[in-house]
Amino acid sequence: KISWLWKTRFLRTHLFNKQFFDVHFP
């Protein structure tokens, strides 16, 4: 799975891995 969470349109993070890990931002 590829997970990304937008904090703003300027901040993206993708996790590209065998094991899914939700990416969240403080």
PDB file of all heavy atoms in Angstrom:
ATOM      1  N   LYS A   1       0.843  -1.183   0.000  1.00  0.00           N
ATOM      2  CA  LYS A   1       0.000   0.000   0.000  1.00  0.00           C
ATOM      3  C   LYS A   1       0.886   1.243   0.000  1.00  0.00           C
ATOM      4  O   LYS A   1       1.982   1.237   0.527  1.00  0.00           O
ATOM      5  CB  LYS A   1      -0.902   0.011   1.233  1.00  0.00           C
ATOM      6  CG  LYS A   1      -1.873  -1.160   1.284  1.00  0.00           C
ATOM      7  CD  LYS A   1      -2.728  -1.074   2.529  1.00  0.00           C
ATOM      8  CE  LYS A   1      -3.700  -2.244   2.604  1.00  0.00           C
ATOM      9  NZ  LYS A   1      -4.531  -2.194   3.814  1.00  0.00           N
ATOM     10  N   ILE A   2       0.406   2.280  -0.586  1.00  0.00           N
ATOM     11  CA  ILE A   2       1.104   3.560  -0.577  1.00  0.00           C
ATOM     12  C   ILE A   2       0.232   4.523   0.198  1.00  0.00           C
ATOM     13  O   ILE A   2      -0.914   4.762  -0.164  1.00  0.00           O
ATOM     14  CB  ILE A   2       1.343   4.082  -1.996  1.00  0.00           C
ATOM     15  CG1 ILE A   2       2.134   3.054  -2.814  1.00  0.00           C
ATOM     16  CG2 ILE A   2       2.091   5.403  -1.967  1.00  0.00           C
ATOM     17  CD1 ILE A   2       2.210   3.398  -4.275  1.00  0.00           C
ATOM     18  N   SER A   3       0.784   5.052   1.277  1.00  0.00           N
ATOM     19  CA  SER A   3      -0.001   5.939   2.133  1.00  0.00           C
ATOM     20  C   SER A   3       0.532   7.350   2.042  1.00  0.00           C
ATOM     21  O   SER A   3       1.738   7.567   2.066  1.00  0.00           O
ATOM     22  CB  SER A   3       0.063   5.461   3.582  1.00  0.00           C
ATOM     23  OG  SER A   3      -0.547   6.397   4.434  1.00  0.00           O
ATOM     24  N   TRP A   4      -0.345   8.322   1.914  1.00  0.00           N
ATOM     25  CA  TRP A   4       0.086   9.699   2.019  1.00  0.00           C
ATOM     26  C   TRP A   4      -1.014  10.511   2.682  1.00  0.00           C
ATOM     27  O   TRP A   4      -2.185  10.271   2.495  1.00  0.00           O
ATOM     28  CB  TRP A   4       0.484  10.293   0.671  1.00  0.00           C
ATOM     29  CG  TRP A   4      -0.615  10.433  -0.329  1.00  0.00           C
ATOM     30  CD1 TRP A   4      -1.404  11.518  -0.550  1.00  0.00           C
ATOM     31  CD2 TRP A   4      -1.043   9.431  -1.259  1.00  0.00           C
ATOM     32  NE1 TRP A   4      -2.287  11.265  -1.560  1.00  0.00           N
ATOM     33  CE2 TRP A   4      -2.086  10.004  -2.011  1.00  0.00           C
ATOM     34  CE3 TRP A   4      -0.638   8.128  -1.532  1.00  0.00           C
ATOM     35  CZ2 TRP A   4      -2.725   9.300  -3.014  1.00  0.00           C
ATOM     36  CZ3 TRP A   4      -1.272   7.439  -2.521  1.00  0.00           C
ATOM     37  CH2 TRP A   4      -2.302   8.021  -3.249  1.00  0.00           C
ATOM     38  N   LEU A   5      -0.587  11.444   3.497  1.00  0.00           N
ATOM     39  CA  LEU A   5      -1.536  12.322   4.179  1.00  0.00           C
ATOM     40  C   LEU A   5      -1.076  13.750   3.966  1.00  0.00           C
ATOM     41  O   LEU A   5       0.063  14.081   4.232  1.00  0.00           O
ATOM     42  CB  LEU A   5      -1.574  12.018   5.680  1.00  0.00           C
ATOM     43  CG  LEU A   5      -2.566  12.852   6.487  1.00  0.00           C
ATOM     44  CD1 LEU A   5      -3.992  12.473   6.135  1.00  0.00           C
ATOM     45  CD2 LEU A   5      -2.332  12.672   7.970  1.00  0.00           C
ATOM     46  N   TRP A   6      -1.951  14.579   3.447  1.00  0.00           N
ATOM     47  CA  TRP A   6      -1.595  15.967   3.178  1.00  0.00           C
ATOM     48  C   TRP A   6      -1.842  16.815   4.420  1.00  0.00           C
ATOM     49  O   TRP A   6      -2.941  16.885   4.925  1.00  0.00           O
ATOM     50  CB  TRP A   6      -2.442  16.507   2.040  1.00  0.00           C
ATOM     51  CG  TRP A   6      -2.164  15.864   0.726  1.00  0.00           C
ATOM     52  CD1 TRP A   6      -2.437  14.581   0.357  1.00  0.00           C
ATOM     53  CD2 TRP A   6      -1.550  16.478  -0.397  1.00  0.00           C
ATOM     54  NE1 TRP A   6      -2.042  14.351  -0.920  1.00  0.00           N
ATOM     55  CE2 TRP A   6      -1.497  15.509  -1.418  1.00  0.00           C
ATOM     56  CE3 TRP A   6      -1.045  17.751  -0.646  1.00  0.00           C
ATOM     57  CZ2 TRP A   6      -0.950  15.775  -2.656  1.00  0.00           C
ATOM     58  CZ3 TRP A   6      -0.518  18.009  -1.900  1.00  0.00           C
ATOM     59  CH2 TRP A   6      -0.465  17.034  -2.884  1.00  0.00           C
ATOM     60  N   LYS A   7      -0.788  17.443   4.894  1.00  0.00           N
ATOM     61  CA  LYS A   7      -0.952  18.434   5.947  1.00  0.00           C
ATOM     62  C   LYS A   7      -1.372  19.761   5.308  1.00  0.00           C
ATOM     63  O   LYS A   7      -2.318  20.403   5.703  1.00  0.00           O
ATOM     64  CB  LYS A   7       0.356  18.613   6.713  1.00  0.00           C
ATOM     65  CG  LYS A   7       0.329  19.705   7.764  1.00  0.00           C
ATOM     66  CD  LYS A   7      -0.600  19.375   8.895  1.00  0.00           C
ATOM     67  CE  LYS A   7      -0.444  20.409  10.005  1.00  0.00           C
ATOM     68  NZ  LYS A   7      -1.354  20.156  11.097  1.00  0.00           N
ATOM     69  N   THR A   8      -0.632  20.179   4.301  1.00  0.00           N
ATOM     70  CA  THR A   8      -1.026  21.263   3.409  1.00  0.00           C
ATOM     71  C   THR A   8      -0.663  20.777   2.018  1.00  0.00           C
ATOM     72  O   THR A   8      -0.070  19.726   1.849  1.00  0.00           O
ATOM     73  CB  THR A   8      -0.252  22.568   3.704  1.00  0.00           C
ATOM     74  OG1 THR A   8       1.106  22.391   3.297  1.00  0.00           O
ATOM     75  CG2 THR A   8      -0.280  22.908   5.179  1.00  0.00           C
ATOM     76  N   ARG A   9      -0.973  21.528   1.019  1.00  0.00           N
ATOM     77  CA  ARG A   9      -0.622  21.096  -0.335  1.00  0.00           C
ATOM     78  C   ARG A   9       0.883  21.110  -0.543  1.00  0.00           C
ATOM     79  O   ARG A   9       1.392  20.614  -1.544  1.00  0.00           O
ATOM     80  CB  ARG A   9      -1.304  21.989  -1.385  1.00  0.00           C
ATOM     81  CG  ARG A   9      -0.831  23.427  -1.402  1.00  0.00           C
ATOM     82  CD  ARG A   9      -1.663  24.226  -2.390  1.00  0.00           C
ATOM     83  NE  ARG A   9      -1.459  23.744  -3.754  1.00  0.00           N
ATOM     84  CZ  ARG A   9      -0.776  24.416  -4.662  1.00  0.00           C
ATOM     85  NH1 ARG A   9      -0.225  25.569  -4.347  1.00  0.00           N
ATOM     86  NH2 ARG A   9      -0.641  23.937  -5.884  1.00  0.00           N
ATOM     87  N   PHE A  10       1.631  21.661   0.418  1.00  0.00           N
ATOM     88  CA  PHE A  10       3.074  21.755   0.271  1.00  0.00           C
ATOM     89  C   PHE A  10       3.809  20.638   1.000  1.00  0.00           C
ATOM     90  O   PHE A  10       5.020  20.575   0.970  1.00  0.00           O
ATOM     91  CB  PHE A  10       3.584  23.095   0.815  1.00  0.00           C
ATOM     92  CG  PHE A  10       3.078  24.271   0.055  1.00  0.00           C
ATOM     93  CD1 PHE A  10       2.416  25.296   0.708  1.00  0.00           C
ATOM     94  CD2 PHE A  10       3.255  24.360  -1.314  1.00  0.00           C
ATOM     95  CE1 PHE A  10       1.941  26.380  -0.004  1.00  0.00           C
ATOM     96  CE2 PHE A  10       2.785  25.444  -2.014  1.00  0.00           C
ATOM     97  CZ  PHE A  10       2.118  26.459  -1.366  1.00  0.00           C
ATOM     98  N   LEU A  11       3.104  19.757   1.674  1.00  0.00           N
ATOM     99  CA  LEU A  11       3.788  18.765   2.507  1.00  0.00           C
ATOM    100  C   LEU A  11       3.196  17.395   2.241  1.00  0.00           C
ATOM    101  O   LEU A  11       2.067  17.102   2.597  1.00  0.00           O
ATOM    102  CB  LEU A  11       3.629  19.130   3.990  1.00  0.00           C
ATOM    103  CG  LEU A  11       4.390  18.265   4.980  1.00  0.00           C
ATOM    104  CD1 LEU A  11       5.873  18.236   4.644  1.00  0.00           C
ATOM    105  CD2 LEU A  11       4.208  18.775   6.395  1.00  0.00           C
ATOM    106  N   ARG A  12       3.973  16.522   1.582  1.00  0.00           N
ATOM    107  CA  ARG A  12       3.515  15.188   1.231  1.00  0.00           C
ATOM    108  C   ARG A  12       4.524  14.179   1.723  1.00  0.00           C
ATOM    109  O   ARG A  12       5.716  14.423   1.682  1.00  0.00           O
ATOM    110  CB  ARG A  12       3.378  15.041  -0.287  1.00  0.00           C
ATOM    111  CG  ARG A  12       2.398  15.995  -0.925  1.00  0.00           C
ATOM    112  CD  ARG A  12       2.466  15.859  -2.430  1.00  0.00           C
ATOM    113  NE  ARG A  12       3.712  16.430  -2.928  1.00  0.00           N
ATOM    114  CZ  ARG A  12       4.205  16.161  -4.142  1.00  0.00           C
ATOM    115  NH1 ARG A  12       3.590  15.313  -4.923  1.00  0.00           N
ATOM    116  NH2 ARG A  12       5.321  16.733  -4.540  1.00  0.00           N
ATOM    117  N   THR A  13       4.050  13.029   2.144  1.00  0.00           N
ATOM    118  CA  THR A  13       4.956  11.939   2.469  1.00  0.00           C
ATOM    119  C   THR A  13       4.348  10.641   1.979  1.00  0.00           C
ATOM    120  O   THR A  13       3.180  10.370   2.227  1.00  0.00           O
ATOM    121  CB  THR A  13       5.218  11.837   3.989  1.00  0.00           C
ATOM    122  OG1 THR A  13       5.933  12.991   4.392  1.00  0.00           O
ATOM    123  CG2 THR A  13       6.060  10.614   4.311  1.00  0.00           C
ATOM    124  N   HIS A  14       5.129   9.854   1.297  1.00  0.00           N
ATOM    125  CA  HIS A  14       4.695   8.548   0.840  1.00  0.00           C
ATOM    126  C   HIS A  14       5.492   7.475   1.562  1.00  0.00           C
ATOM    127  O   HIS A  14       6.692   7.622   1.757  1.00  0.00           O
ATOM    128  CB  HIS A  14       4.935   8.382  -0.669  1.00  0.00           C
ATOM    129  CG  HIS A  14       4.223   9.388  -1.507  1.00  0.00           C
ATOM    130  ND1 HIS A  14       2.882   9.315  -1.796  1.00  0.00           N
ATOM    131  CD2 HIS A  14       4.675  10.510  -2.113  1.00  0.00           C
ATOM    132  CE1 HIS A  14       2.546  10.345  -2.554  1.00  0.00           C
ATOM    133  NE2 HIS A  14       3.603  11.074  -2.758  1.00  0.00           N
ATOM    134  N   LEU A  15       4.833   6.416   1.945  1.00  0.00           N
ATOM    135  CA  LEU A  15       5.520   5.230   2.443  1.00  0.00           C
ATOM    136  C   LEU A  15       5.341   4.137   1.402  1.00  0.00           C
ATOM    137  O   LEU A  15       4.216   3.787   1.061  1.00  0.00           O
ATOM    138  CB  LEU A  15       4.945   4.784   3.788  1.00  0.00           C
ATOM    139  CG  LEU A  15       5.537   3.470   4.312  1.00  0.00           C
ATOM    140  CD1 LEU A  15       7.000   3.655   4.647  1.00  0.00           C
ATOM    141  CD2 LEU A  15       4.777   2.991   5.519  1.00  0.00           C
ATOM    142  N   PHE A  16       6.433   3.621   0.902  1.00  0.00           N
ATOM    143  CA  PHE A  16       6.400   2.644  -0.183  1.00  0.00           C
ATOM    144  C   PHE A  16       7.085   1.404   0.338  1.00  0.00           C
ATOM    145  O   PHE A  16       8.280   1.232   0.202  1.00  0.00           O
ATOM    146  CB  PHE A  16       7.141   3.230  -1.378  1.00  0.00           C
ATOM    147  CG  PHE A  16       6.760   2.632  -2.706  1.00  0.00           C
ATOM    148  CD1 PHE A  16       5.424   2.537  -3.075  1.00  0.00           C
ATOM    149  CD2 PHE A  16       7.727   2.202  -3.589  1.00  0.00           C
ATOM    150  CE1 PHE A  16       5.079   2.023  -4.309  1.00  0.00           C
ATOM    151  CE2 PHE A  16       7.380   1.681  -4.807  1.00  0.00           C
ATOM    152  CZ  PHE A  16       6.062   1.587  -5.175  1.00  0.00           C
ATOM    153  N   ASN A  17       6.327   0.538   1.022  1.00  0.00           N
ATOM    154  CA  ASN A  17       6.965  -0.517   1.790  1.00  0.00           C
ATOM    155  C   ASN A  17       6.066  -1.745   1.798  1.00  0.00           C
ATOM    156  O   ASN A  17       4.881  -1.667   1.499  1.00  0.00           O
ATOM    157  CB  ASN A  17       7.195  -0.021   3.234  1.00  0.00           C
ATOM    158  CG  ASN A  17       8.311  -0.756   3.923  1.00  0.00           C
ATOM    159  OD1 ASN A  17       8.695  -1.834   3.487  1.00  0.00           O
ATOM    160  ND2 ASN A  17       8.823  -0.183   4.981  1.00  0.00           N
ATOM    161  N   LYS A  18       6.635  -2.888   2.157  1.00  0.00           N
ATOM    162  CA  LYS A  18       5.851  -4.111   2.253  1.00  0.00           C
ATOM    163  C   LYS A  18       4.807  -4.012   3.358  1.00  0.00           C
ATOM    164  O   LYS A  18       3.711  -4.523   3.255  1.00  0.00           O
ATOM    165  CB  LYS A  18       6.775  -5.297   2.534  1.00  0.00           C
ATOM    166  CG  LYS A  18       7.728  -5.633   1.395  1.00  0.00           C
ATOM    167  CD  LYS A  18       8.632  -6.777   1.810  1.00  0.00           C
ATOM    168  CE  LYS A  18       9.670  -7.091   0.751  1.00  0.00           C
ATOM    169  NZ  LYS A  18      10.597  -8.138   1.170  1.00  0.00           N
ATOM    170  N   GLN A  19       5.198  -3.356   4.448  1.00  0.00           N
ATOM    171  CA  GLN A  19       4.295  -3.259   5.591  1.00  0.00           C
ATOM    172  C   GLN A  19       3.699  -1.861   5.638  1.00  0.00           C
ATOM    173  O   GLN A  19       4.403  -0.862   5.584  1.00  0.00           O
ATOM    174  CB  GLN A  19       5.047  -3.552   6.891  1.00  0.00           C
ATOM    175  CG  GLN A  19       5.526  -4.993   6.983  1.00  0.00           C
ATOM    176  CD  GLN A  19       6.162  -5.259   8.316  1.00  0.00           C
ATOM    177  OE1 GLN A  19       6.584  -4.356   9.000  1.00  0.00           O
ATOM    178  NE2 GLN A  19       6.231  -6.527   8.686  1.00  0.00           N
ATOM    179  N   PHE A  20       2.390  -1.811   5.748  1.00  0.00           N
ATOM    180  CA  PHE A  20       1.683  -0.536   5.722  1.00  0.00           C
ATOM    181  C   PHE A  20       1.869   0.209   7.042  1.00  0.00           C
ATOM    182  O   PHE A  20       1.752  -0.357   8.117  1.00  0.00           O
ATOM    183  CB  PHE A  20       0.209  -0.793   5.458  1.00  0.00           C
ATOM    184  CG  PHE A  20      -0.634   0.446   5.450  1.00  0.00           C
ATOM    185  CD1 PHE A  20      -0.474   1.386   4.458  1.00  0.00           C
ATOM    186  CD2 PHE A  20      -1.589   0.656   6.420  1.00  0.00           C
ATOM    187  CE1 PHE A  20      -1.258   2.527   4.433  1.00  0.00           C
ATOM    188  CE2 PHE A  20      -2.372   1.795   6.399  1.00  0.00           C
ATOM    189  CZ  PHE A  20      -2.208   2.717   5.399  1.00  0.00           C
ATOM    190  N   PHE A  21       2.185   1.487   6.955  1.00  0.00           N
ATOM    191  CA  PHE A  21       2.305   2.315   8.157  1.00  0.00           C
ATOM    192  C   PHE A  21       1.688   3.666   7.866  1.00  0.00           C
ATOM    193  O   PHE A  21       2.121   4.385   6.984  1.00  0.00           O
ATOM    194  CB  PHE A  21       3.793   2.499   8.525  1.00  0.00           C
ATOM    195  CG  PHE A  21       4.017   3.483   9.631  1.00  0.00           C
ATOM    196  CD1 PHE A  21       3.509   3.259  10.913  1.00  0.00           C
ATOM    197  CD2 PHE A  21       4.733   4.641   9.399  1.00  0.00           C
ATOM    198  CE1 PHE A  21       3.734   4.163  11.918  1.00  0.00           C
ATOM    199  CE2 PHE A  21       4.953   5.568  10.405  1.00  0.00           C
ATOM    200  CZ  PHE A  21       4.452   5.326  11.666  1.00  0.00           C
ATOM    201  N   ASP A  22       0.605   3.992   8.549  1.00  0.00           N
ATOM    202  CA  ASP A  22      -0.043   5.265   8.329  1.00  0.00           C
ATOM    203  C   ASP A  22       0.875   6.396   8.736  1.00  0.00           C
ATOM    204  O   ASP A  22       1.434   6.398   9.835  1.00  0.00           O
ATOM    205  CB  ASP A  22      -1.334   5.363   9.161  1.00  0.00           C
ATOM    206  CG  ASP A  22      -2.473   4.599   8.532  1.00  0.00           C
ATOM    207  OD1 ASP A  22      -2.605   4.677   7.311  1.00  0.00           O
ATOM    208  OD2 ASP A  22      -3.201   3.907   9.257  1.00  0.00           O
ATOM    209  N   VAL A  23       1.036   7.372   7.862  1.00  0.00           N
ATOM    210  CA  VAL A  23       1.898   8.501   8.113  1.00  0.00           C
ATOM    211  C   VAL A  23       1.030   9.671   8.558  1.00  0.00           C
ATOM    212  O   VAL A  23       0.145  10.096   7.826  1.00  0.00           O
ATOM    213  CB  VAL A  23       2.700   8.878   6.854  1.00  0.00           C
ATOM    214  CG1 VAL A  23       3.599  10.057   7.124  1.00  0.00           C
ATOM    215  CG2 VAL A  23       3.521   7.683   6.403  1.00  0.00           C
ATOM    216  N   HIS A  24       1.273  10.168   9.731  1.00  0.00           N
ATOM    217  CA  HIS A  24       0.532  11.323  10.247  1.00  0.00           C
ATOM    218  C   HIS A  24       1.516  12.391  10.665  1.00  0.00           C
ATOM    219  O   HIS A  24       2.674  12.120  10.920  1.00  0.00           O
ATOM    220  CB  HIS A  24      -0.329  10.917  11.452  1.00  0.00           C
ATOM    221  CG  HIS A  24      -1.330   9.859  11.149  1.00  0.00           C
ATOM    222  ND1 HIS A  24      -2.512  10.095  10.474  1.00  0.00           N
ATOM    223  CD2 HIS A  24      -1.313   8.524  11.418  1.00  0.00           C
ATOM    224  CE1 HIS A  24      -3.170   8.974  10.344  1.00  0.00           C
ATOM    225  NE2 HIS A  24      -2.464   8.008  10.897  1.00  0.00           N
ATOM    226  N   PHE A  25       1.043  13.596  10.761  1.00  0.00           N
ATOM    227  CA  PHE A  25       1.901  14.709  11.124  1.00  0.00           C
ATOM    228  C   PHE A  25       1.336  15.414  12.344  1.00  0.00           C
ATOM    229  O   PHE A  25       0.131  15.559  12.482  1.00  0.00           O
ATOM    230  CB  PHE A  25       2.018  15.719   9.977  1.00  0.00           C
ATOM    231  CG  PHE A  25       2.772  15.188   8.813  1.00  0.00           C
ATOM    232  CD1 PHE A  25       2.120  14.506   7.803  1.00  0.00           C
ATOM    233  CD2 PHE A  25       4.127  15.338   8.738  1.00  0.00           C
ATOM    234  CE1 PHE A  25       2.813  14.011   6.742  1.00  0.00           C
ATOM    235  CE2 PHE A  25       4.835  14.859   7.682  1.00  0.00           C
ATOM    236  CZ  PHE A  25       4.173  14.175   6.658  1.00  0.00           C
ATOM    237  N   PRO A  26       2.238  15.872  13.206  1.00  0.00           N
ATOM    238  CA  PRO A  26       1.779  16.641  14.361  1.00  0.00           C
ATOM    239  C   PRO A  26       1.267  18.010  13.934  1.00  0.00           C
ATOM    240  O   PRO A  26       1.625  18.504  12.881  1.00  0.00           O
ATOM    241  CB  PRO A  26       3.042  16.796  15.223  1.00  0.00           C
ATOM    242  CG  PRO A  26       4.179  16.658  14.263  1.00  0.00           C
ATOM    243  CD  PRO A  26       3.702  15.689  13.214  1.00  0.00           C
TER     244      PRO A  26
END
